[in-house]
N, C-alpha and C. Protein backbone atom coordinates (compact mmCIF):
# COMPACT_ATOMS: atom_id res chain seq x y z
N MET A 1 -72.98 60.70 -53.13
CA MET A 1 -72.08 59.36 -53.51
C MET A 1 -71.07 59.95 -53.14
N LYS A 2 -70.15 61.07 -53.56
CA LYS A 2 -69.16 62.10 -53.23
C LYS A 2 -69.03 62.00 -51.46
N ALA A 3 -70.30 62.60 -50.81
CA ALA A 3 -70.20 62.71 -49.89
C ALA A 3 -70.13 61.34 -48.68
N LYS A 4 -70.59 60.22 -49.43
CA LYS A 4 -70.21 58.91 -48.63
C LYS A 4 -68.68 58.68 -48.76
N LEU A 5 -68.05 58.79 -49.97
CA LEU A 5 -66.56 58.51 -50.26
C LEU A 5 -65.82 59.41 -49.72
N LEU A 6 -66.23 60.71 -49.06
CA LEU A 6 -65.49 61.46 -48.23
C LEU A 6 -65.27 61.52 -46.74
N ALA A 7 -66.64 60.92 -46.49
CA ALA A 7 -67.01 60.54 -45.04
C ALA A 7 -66.11 58.58 -44.72
N LEU A 8 -66.25 58.10 -45.55
CA LEU A 8 -65.57 56.92 -45.65
C LEU A 8 -64.12 56.93 -45.74
N LYS A 9 -63.36 58.36 -46.24
CA LYS A 9 -61.95 58.36 -46.23
C LYS A 9 -61.51 59.01 -44.80
N LYS A 10 -62.64 59.74 -44.27
CA LYS A 10 -62.23 60.34 -42.92
C LYS A 10 -62.35 59.31 -41.94
N LEU A 11 -63.48 58.50 -42.10
CA LEU A 11 -63.35 57.27 -41.10
C LEU A 11 -61.97 56.53 -41.35
N GLY A 12 -61.67 56.08 -42.57
CA GLY A 12 -60.20 55.39 -43.07
C GLY A 12 -59.19 56.24 -42.22
N ALA A 13 -59.14 57.54 -42.42
CA ALA A 13 -58.11 58.09 -41.63
C ALA A 13 -57.96 58.42 -40.21
N ARG A 14 -59.25 57.93 -39.26
CA ARG A 14 -59.34 58.03 -38.12
C ARG A 14 -59.11 56.58 -37.53
N VAL A 15 -59.62 55.39 -38.25
CA VAL A 15 -59.02 54.32 -38.15
C VAL A 15 -57.76 53.81 -38.13
N GLY A 16 -56.75 54.47 -39.04
CA GLY A 16 -55.72 54.10 -39.30
C GLY A 16 -54.75 55.10 -38.13
N ALA A 17 -55.35 56.25 -37.77
CA ALA A 17 -54.37 56.96 -36.57
C ALA A 17 -54.69 56.14 -35.49
N ALA A 18 -55.78 55.62 -35.17
CA ALA A 18 -56.02 54.68 -34.08
C ALA A 18 -55.05 53.42 -34.18
N VAL A 19 -55.45 53.06 -35.01
CA VAL A 19 -53.93 51.38 -35.36
C VAL A 19 -52.73 51.77 -34.90
N VAL A 20 -52.08 53.03 -35.76
CA VAL A 20 -50.75 53.30 -35.58
C VAL A 20 -50.53 53.81 -33.60
N THR A 21 -51.42 54.66 -33.12
CA THR A 21 -51.65 55.08 -31.88
C THR A 21 -51.48 53.26 -31.10
N GLY A 22 -52.14 52.89 -31.19
CA GLY A 22 -52.08 51.45 -30.49
C GLY A 22 -50.81 50.55 -30.52
N GLY A 23 -50.19 50.69 -31.93
CA GLY A 23 -49.13 49.98 -32.32
C GLY A 23 -47.98 50.77 -31.30
N VAL A 24 -47.92 51.90 -31.28
CA VAL A 24 -46.94 52.57 -30.83
C VAL A 24 -46.97 52.43 -29.20
N ALA A 25 -48.24 51.93 -28.79
CA ALA A 25 -48.29 51.81 -27.35
C ALA A 25 -48.02 50.27 -26.79
N VAL A 26 -48.40 49.52 -27.96
CA VAL A 26 -47.84 48.30 -27.66
C VAL A 26 -46.23 48.05 -27.81
N ALA A 27 -45.65 48.51 -28.69
CA ALA A 27 -44.32 48.66 -28.79
C ALA A 27 -43.71 49.36 -27.74
N ALA A 28 -44.07 49.99 -27.03
CA ALA A 28 -43.45 51.03 -25.82
C ALA A 28 -43.53 49.88 -24.64
N ASN A 29 -44.74 49.05 -24.57
CA ASN A 29 -45.07 48.08 -23.48
C ASN A 29 -44.03 47.20 -23.79
N ALA A 30 -43.91 46.52 -25.00
CA ALA A 30 -42.89 45.61 -25.14
C ALA A 30 -41.50 45.83 -24.96
N GLN A 31 -41.05 46.95 -24.92
CA GLN A 31 -39.94 47.35 -25.14
C GLN A 31 -39.26 47.24 -23.11
N THR A 32 -40.26 47.80 -22.72
CA THR A 32 -40.14 48.15 -21.15
C THR A 32 -40.40 46.39 -20.06
N SER A 33 -41.09 45.40 -20.89
CA SER A 33 -41.11 44.20 -20.21
C SER A 33 -39.67 43.42 -20.58
N THR A 34 -39.27 42.25 -19.58
CA THR A 34 -38.36 41.43 -19.98
C THR A 34 -38.80 40.33 -20.37
N ALA A 35 -38.32 39.55 -21.36
CA ALA A 35 -38.22 38.18 -21.92
C ALA A 35 -38.24 37.18 -20.57
N PRO A 36 -39.41 36.37 -21.14
CA PRO A 36 -39.50 35.12 -20.20
C PRO A 36 -38.48 34.06 -19.84
N ASP A 37 -38.01 33.55 -18.98
CA ASP A 37 -37.06 32.82 -18.97
C ASP A 37 -37.66 31.41 -18.90
N PHE A 38 -37.12 30.60 -19.74
CA PHE A 38 -37.26 29.21 -20.12
C PHE A 38 -36.51 28.12 -19.73
N SER A 39 -35.30 28.87 -19.00
CA SER A 39 -34.22 28.00 -18.79
C SER A 39 -34.36 27.07 -17.92
N GLN A 40 -35.31 27.24 -16.87
CA GLN A 40 -36.07 25.70 -16.24
C GLN A 40 -36.40 24.60 -17.06
N ILE A 41 -37.33 24.99 -17.99
CA ILE A 41 -38.02 24.17 -18.70
C ILE A 41 -36.79 23.36 -19.74
N THR A 42 -36.09 24.04 -20.55
CA THR A 42 -35.41 23.79 -21.37
C THR A 42 -34.11 22.70 -20.54
N SER A 43 -33.65 23.20 -19.40
CA SER A 43 -32.46 22.64 -18.75
C SER A 43 -33.05 21.04 -18.63
N SER A 44 -34.46 20.87 -17.96
CA SER A 44 -34.79 19.49 -17.58
C SER A 44 -35.22 18.76 -18.85
N VAL A 45 -35.24 19.26 -20.31
CA VAL A 45 -35.65 17.98 -21.34
C VAL A 45 -34.31 17.74 -21.95
N ASP A 46 -34.22 16.29 -22.26
CA ASP A 46 -33.34 15.82 -22.94
C ASP A 46 -33.51 15.08 -24.17
N PHE A 47 -33.24 15.70 -25.22
CA PHE A 47 -33.23 15.08 -26.28
C PHE A 47 -32.40 14.35 -27.12
N SER A 48 -31.57 13.74 -26.26
CA SER A 48 -30.65 12.53 -26.81
C SER A 48 -31.15 11.34 -27.64
N THR A 49 -32.11 11.03 -26.84
CA THR A 49 -32.74 10.01 -27.36
C THR A 49 -33.79 10.00 -28.70
N VAL A 50 -34.01 11.14 -28.82
CA VAL A 50 -35.26 11.54 -30.16
C VAL A 50 -34.27 11.78 -30.92
N ILE A 51 -32.92 12.58 -30.60
CA ILE A 51 -32.14 12.70 -31.83
C ILE A 51 -31.31 11.40 -32.56
N THR A 52 -31.01 10.21 -31.43
CA THR A 52 -30.66 9.24 -31.74
C THR A 52 -31.56 8.54 -32.67
N ALA A 53 -32.65 8.53 -32.52
CA ALA A 53 -33.82 7.92 -33.41
C ALA A 53 -33.96 8.46 -34.78
N ILE A 54 -34.00 9.58 -34.75
CA ILE A 54 -33.83 10.52 -35.95
C ILE A 54 -32.93 10.17 -36.64
N MET A 55 -31.83 10.07 -36.56
CA MET A 55 -30.77 10.04 -36.86
C MET A 55 -30.45 8.26 -37.56
N ALA A 56 -31.13 7.31 -36.42
CA ALA A 56 -31.39 6.05 -37.27
C ALA A 56 -32.29 6.12 -38.17
N VAL A 57 -33.21 6.59 -38.26
CA VAL A 57 -34.26 6.54 -39.18
C VAL A 57 -33.54 7.14 -40.71
N ALA A 58 -33.20 8.13 -40.30
CA ALA A 58 -32.47 9.04 -41.57
C ALA A 58 -31.20 7.75 -42.22
N THR A 59 -30.60 7.29 -41.54
CA THR A 59 -29.54 6.24 -42.03
C THR A 59 -30.17 4.91 -42.72
N VAL A 60 -31.41 4.50 -42.01
CA VAL A 60 -32.15 3.53 -43.09
C VAL A 60 -32.61 4.17 -44.06
N MET A 61 -32.98 5.47 -44.65
CA MET A 61 -33.40 6.03 -45.52
C MET A 61 -32.42 6.20 -46.55
N VAL A 62 -31.28 6.50 -46.14
CA VAL A 62 -29.86 6.57 -46.95
C VAL A 62 -29.49 5.13 -47.53
N GLY A 63 -29.79 4.20 -46.73
CA GLY A 63 -29.37 2.73 -47.06
C GLY A 63 -30.17 2.30 -48.20
N VAL A 64 -31.57 2.72 -48.02
CA VAL A 64 -32.68 2.02 -48.88
C VAL A 64 -32.30 2.97 -50.24
N TYR A 65 -32.06 4.39 -50.18
CA TYR A 65 -31.67 5.13 -51.33
C TYR A 65 -30.54 4.47 -52.04
N VAL A 66 -29.30 4.28 -51.58
CA VAL A 66 -28.15 3.66 -51.90
C VAL A 66 -28.84 2.35 -52.80
N ALA A 67 -29.18 1.70 -51.72
CA ALA A 67 -29.73 0.35 -52.57
C ALA A 67 -30.15 0.48 -53.61
N TRP A 68 -31.49 1.28 -53.83
CA TRP A 68 -32.04 1.51 -55.16
C TRP A 68 -31.29 1.84 -56.03
N ARG A 69 -30.45 2.92 -55.93
CA ARG A 69 -29.56 3.40 -57.04
C ARG A 69 -28.59 2.35 -57.55
N GLY A 70 -27.95 1.73 -56.45
CA GLY A 70 -27.08 0.32 -57.11
C GLY A 70 -27.85 -0.39 -57.91
N ALA A 71 -28.96 -0.86 -57.51
CA ALA A 71 -29.98 -1.63 -58.32
C ALA A 71 -30.17 -1.14 -59.66
N LYS A 72 -30.72 0.16 -59.70
CA LYS A 72 -30.83 0.79 -61.20
C LYS A 72 -29.56 0.78 -61.80
N PHE A 73 -28.20 1.16 -61.15
CA PHE A 73 -27.05 1.06 -61.77
C PHE A 73 -27.00 -0.32 -62.43
N ALA A 74 -26.75 -1.14 -61.79
CA ALA A 74 -26.41 -2.84 -62.05
C ALA A 74 -27.68 -3.16 -63.45
N LEU A 75 -28.99 -2.81 -63.18
CA LEU A 75 -29.98 -3.09 -64.43
C LEU A 75 -29.36 -2.43 -65.64
N ARG A 76 -29.21 -1.30 -65.24
CA ARG A 76 -28.55 -0.39 -66.89
C ARG A 76 -27.48 -1.20 -67.44
N ALA A 77 -26.50 -1.51 -66.48
CA ALA A 77 -25.40 -2.18 -66.91
C ALA A 77 -25.48 -3.55 -67.60
N VAL A 78 -26.82 -4.42 -67.29
CA VAL A 78 -26.75 -5.57 -68.08
C VAL A 78 -27.95 -5.29 -68.95
N ARG A 79 -28.56 -4.21 -69.18
CA ARG A 79 -29.01 -4.05 -70.29
C ARG A 79 -28.24 -3.39 -71.49
N GLY A 80 -27.11 -3.20 -70.96
CA GLY A 80 -25.88 -2.34 -71.69
C GLY A 80 -25.58 -3.34 -72.67
N LEU A 81 -25.46 -4.52 -71.97
CA LEU A 81 -24.60 -5.76 -72.57
C LEU A 81 -25.10 -6.34 -73.87
């Protein structure tokens, strides 16, 4: 049992060393490459209509919330009389 545990520890050390070595190689490769240029894609997309729609939905939700709170306030005021 002890021999198997030692063999497993050695294997774990080898795998750990391989992972570290592979990570260093990937990091070195990532530093030498340049980032992709997405300016052509992002400049051709127009989000103004989407932003307008999202703001309209948010405005409706705020209006419903204000109406709901106002109704609750009015009902509390009537019950208090």
